[in-house]
């Protein structure tokens, strides 16, 4: 008895790269900038990169922490 194996061909033509999210040109973070330490009473933040500053915004302005994130990540869309 001879066994024949059927070859299946996928009709999907989607490129494999479509699963990878696009990156922002010119911004290549070495690592994520996240809070390493937060002091509630003093309202200060220390980032894992060593940056240290205030987590409080004044008069509707972004806090120093938010400004730090924007400077390293870029603005959100």
N, C-alpha and C. Protein backbone atom coordinates (compact mmCIF):
# COMPACT_ATOMS: atom_id res chain seq x y z
N UNK A 1 0.85 -1.17 0.00
CA UNK A 1 0.00 0.00 0.00
C UNK A 1 0.89 1.23 0.00
N UNK A 2 0.61 2.18 -0.87
CA UNK A 2 1.36 3.42 -0.97
C UNK A 2 0.57 4.53 -0.31
N UNK A 3 1.24 5.28 0.55
CA UNK A 3 0.58 6.39 1.24
C UNK A 3 1.06 7.68 0.61
N UNK A 4 0.12 8.48 0.19
CA UNK A 4 0.46 9.79 -0.38
C UNK A 4 0.14 10.88 0.63
N UNK A 5 1.06 11.79 0.77
CA UNK A 5 0.86 12.91 1.68
C UNK A 5 0.36 14.12 0.88
N UNK A 6 -0.74 14.64 1.30
CA UNK A 6 -1.28 15.83 0.63
C UNK A 6 -0.50 17.05 1.07
N UNK A 7 -0.18 17.90 0.14
CA UNK A 7 0.49 19.15 0.47
C UNK A 7 -0.55 20.24 0.54
N UNK A 8 -0.58 20.94 1.68
CA UNK A 8 -1.54 22.01 1.86
C UNK A 8 -0.85 23.33 1.61
N UNK A 9 -1.50 24.18 0.89
CA UNK A 9 -0.97 25.50 0.57
C UNK A 9 -1.89 26.54 1.19
N UNK A 10 -1.31 27.45 1.92
CA UNK A 10 -2.10 28.49 2.55
C UNK A 10 -2.40 29.58 1.53
N UNK A 11 -3.65 30.02 1.49
CA UNK A 11 -4.03 31.10 0.59
C UNK A 11 -3.78 32.47 1.22
N UNK A 12 -3.35 32.49 2.46
CA UNK A 12 -3.11 33.76 3.15
C UNK A 12 -1.81 34.36 2.63
N UNK A 13 -1.86 35.61 2.30
CA UNK A 13 -0.67 36.28 1.77
C UNK A 13 -0.21 37.41 2.68
N UNK A 14 -0.60 37.35 3.95
CA UNK A 14 -0.21 38.38 4.89
C UNK A 14 1.28 38.24 5.20
N UNK A 15 2.00 39.35 5.18
CA UNK A 15 3.43 39.26 5.50
C UNK A 15 3.63 38.99 6.99
N UNK A 16 4.68 38.27 7.30
CA UNK A 16 4.98 37.93 8.69
C UNK A 16 5.30 39.18 9.50
N UNK A 17 5.80 40.21 8.88
CA UNK A 17 6.18 41.42 9.59
C UNK A 17 4.98 42.23 10.07
N UNK A 18 3.80 41.89 9.61
CA UNK A 18 2.61 42.64 10.03
C UNK A 18 2.32 42.46 11.52
N UNK A 19 2.86 41.43 12.12
CA UNK A 19 2.63 41.18 13.53
C UNK A 19 3.55 42.01 14.43
N UNK A 20 4.58 42.60 13.87
CA UNK A 20 5.53 43.41 14.64
C UNK A 20 5.06 44.86 14.61
N UNK A 21 4.84 45.48 15.78
CA UNK A 21 4.37 46.87 15.79
C UNK A 21 5.43 47.81 15.22
N UNK A 22 5.01 48.87 14.54
CA UNK A 22 5.97 49.81 13.98
C UNK A 22 6.70 50.58 15.09
N UNK A 23 7.91 50.98 14.80
CA UNK A 23 8.69 51.73 15.78
C UNK A 23 8.77 53.18 15.34
N UNK A 24 8.99 54.06 16.31
CA UNK A 24 9.13 55.47 16.01
C UNK A 24 10.55 55.73 15.50
N UNK A 25 10.69 56.38 14.37
CA UNK A 25 12.03 56.65 13.85
C UNK A 25 12.76 57.66 14.74
N UNK A 26 14.03 57.41 14.97
CA UNK A 26 14.85 58.34 15.73
C UNK A 26 14.82 58.14 17.23
N UNK A 27 13.87 57.38 17.76
CA UNK A 27 13.80 57.14 19.19
C UNK A 27 14.03 55.65 19.43
N UNK A 28 15.19 55.34 20.00
CA UNK A 28 15.52 53.96 20.30
C UNK A 28 15.85 53.88 21.79
N UNK A 29 14.85 53.58 22.61
CA UNK A 29 15.11 53.51 24.05
C UNK A 29 15.99 52.32 24.39
N UNK A 30 16.92 52.53 25.31
CA UNK A 30 17.78 51.44 25.75
C UNK A 30 17.00 50.49 26.65
N UNK A 31 16.06 51.03 27.40
CA UNK A 31 15.22 50.26 28.29
C UNK A 31 14.00 51.09 28.60
N UNK A 32 13.03 50.51 29.23
CA UNK A 32 11.84 51.25 29.60
C UNK A 32 12.13 52.15 30.78
N UNK A 33 11.62 53.35 30.72
CA UNK A 33 11.74 54.29 31.83
C UNK A 33 10.51 54.12 32.71
N UNK A 34 10.70 53.50 33.84
CA UNK A 34 9.61 53.24 34.77
C UNK A 34 10.02 53.68 36.17
N UNK A 35 9.04 53.81 37.03
CA UNK A 35 9.30 54.25 38.39
C UNK A 35 10.05 53.16 39.15
N UNK A 36 11.19 53.54 39.70
CA UNK A 36 11.96 52.64 40.55
C UNK A 36 11.57 52.85 42.01
N UNK A 37 11.33 54.12 42.37
CA UNK A 37 10.95 54.44 43.74
C UNK A 37 10.01 55.64 43.73
N UNK A 38 8.97 55.57 44.52
CA UNK A 38 8.02 56.67 44.65
C UNK A 38 7.88 57.00 46.13
N UNK A 39 8.07 58.27 46.47
CA UNK A 39 7.90 58.71 47.86
C UNK A 39 6.64 59.56 47.92
N UNK A 40 5.60 58.99 48.51
CA UNK A 40 4.29 59.62 48.54
C UNK A 40 4.29 60.95 49.29
N UNK A 41 4.89 60.96 50.45
CA UNK A 41 4.87 62.17 51.27
C UNK A 41 5.59 63.34 50.59
N UNK A 42 6.73 63.04 49.99
CA UNK A 42 7.50 64.08 49.29
C UNK A 42 7.02 64.31 47.85
N UNK A 43 6.21 63.37 47.35
CA UNK A 43 5.70 63.40 45.97
C UNK A 43 6.85 63.48 44.97
N UNK A 44 7.81 62.57 45.15
CA UNK A 44 8.94 62.49 44.24
C UNK A 44 9.02 61.10 43.63
N UNK A 45 9.66 61.05 42.47
CA UNK A 45 9.81 59.81 41.72
C UNK A 45 11.28 59.64 41.37
N UNK A 46 11.74 58.39 41.43
CA UNK A 46 13.06 58.05 40.93
C UNK A 46 12.86 57.02 39.83
N UNK A 47 13.42 57.32 38.66
CA UNK A 47 13.31 56.44 37.50
C UNK A 47 14.41 55.38 37.58
N UNK A 48 14.23 54.28 36.86
CA UNK A 48 15.25 53.24 36.84
C UNK A 48 16.54 53.72 36.19
N UNK A 49 16.48 54.81 35.39
CA UNK A 49 17.67 55.35 34.75
C UNK A 49 18.45 56.26 35.69
N UNK A 50 17.89 56.58 36.87
CA UNK A 50 18.57 57.44 37.82
C UNK A 50 17.98 58.84 37.91
N UNK A 51 17.11 59.20 36.99
CA UNK A 51 16.46 60.52 37.04
C UNK A 51 15.63 60.61 38.30
N UNK A 52 15.62 61.79 38.93
CA UNK A 52 14.84 62.00 40.15
C UNK A 52 14.16 63.35 40.06
N UNK A 53 12.87 63.41 40.37
CA UNK A 53 12.16 64.67 40.32
C UNK A 53 10.75 64.56 40.87
N UNK A 54 10.00 65.62 40.68
CA UNK A 54 8.66 65.73 41.24
C UNK A 54 7.62 64.98 40.41
N UNK A 55 6.62 64.47 41.11
CA UNK A 55 5.50 63.80 40.43
C UNK A 55 4.26 64.67 40.42
N UNK A 56 4.41 65.95 40.80
CA UNK A 56 3.28 66.86 40.90
C UNK A 56 3.37 67.90 39.78
N UNK A 57 2.26 68.06 39.05
CA UNK A 57 2.17 69.12 38.06
C UNK A 57 1.61 70.38 38.71
N UNK A 58 2.06 71.53 38.24
CA UNK A 58 1.62 72.80 38.82
C UNK A 58 0.77 73.54 37.80
N UNK A 59 -0.39 74.03 38.24
CA UNK A 59 -1.30 74.82 37.40
C UNK A 59 -1.63 74.15 36.08
N UNK A 60 -1.94 72.88 36.14
CA UNK A 60 -2.35 72.16 34.93
C UNK A 60 -1.21 71.76 34.02
N UNK A 61 0.01 72.09 34.37
CA UNK A 61 1.17 71.73 33.56
C UNK A 61 1.59 70.30 33.90
N UNK A 62 2.24 69.60 32.96
CA UNK A 62 2.70 68.25 33.28
C UNK A 62 3.78 68.29 34.36
N UNK A 63 3.84 67.23 35.13
CA UNK A 63 4.85 67.15 36.17
C UNK A 63 6.24 66.95 35.55
N UNK A 64 7.26 67.10 36.37
CA UNK A 64 8.62 66.85 35.90
C UNK A 64 8.78 65.40 35.46
N UNK A 65 8.09 64.48 36.14
CA UNK A 65 8.12 63.07 35.76
C UNK A 65 7.54 62.88 34.37
N UNK A 66 6.40 63.50 34.10
CA UNK A 66 5.78 63.40 32.78
C UNK A 66 6.69 64.00 31.72
N UNK A 67 7.31 65.14 32.03
CA UNK A 67 8.25 65.77 31.09
C UNK A 67 9.43 64.85 30.81
N UNK A 68 9.91 64.15 31.83
CA UNK A 68 11.01 63.19 31.64
C UNK A 68 10.58 62.08 30.68
N UNK A 69 9.39 61.53 30.90
CA UNK A 69 8.90 60.46 30.02
C UNK A 69 8.75 60.94 28.59
N UNK A 70 8.23 62.14 28.40
CA UNK A 70 8.07 62.68 27.05
C UNK A 70 9.43 62.85 26.39
N UNK A 71 10.43 63.29 27.15
CA UNK A 71 11.76 63.52 26.58
C UNK A 71 12.43 62.22 26.13
N UNK A 72 12.14 61.11 26.80
CA UNK A 72 12.79 59.85 26.41
C UNK A 72 11.91 58.96 25.54
N UNK A 73 10.59 59.08 25.64
CA UNK A 73 9.69 58.23 24.87
C UNK A 73 9.08 58.93 23.68
N UNK A 74 8.99 60.25 23.74
CA UNK A 74 8.26 60.99 22.72
C UNK A 74 6.81 61.16 23.17
N UNK A 75 6.11 62.05 22.52
CA UNK A 75 4.71 62.30 22.89
C UNK A 75 3.83 61.16 22.42
N UNK A 76 2.77 60.90 23.20
CA UNK A 76 1.79 59.90 22.79
C UNK A 76 0.96 60.47 21.66
N UNK A 77 0.47 59.59 20.83
CA UNK A 77 -0.34 60.03 19.69
C UNK A 77 -1.75 60.28 20.09
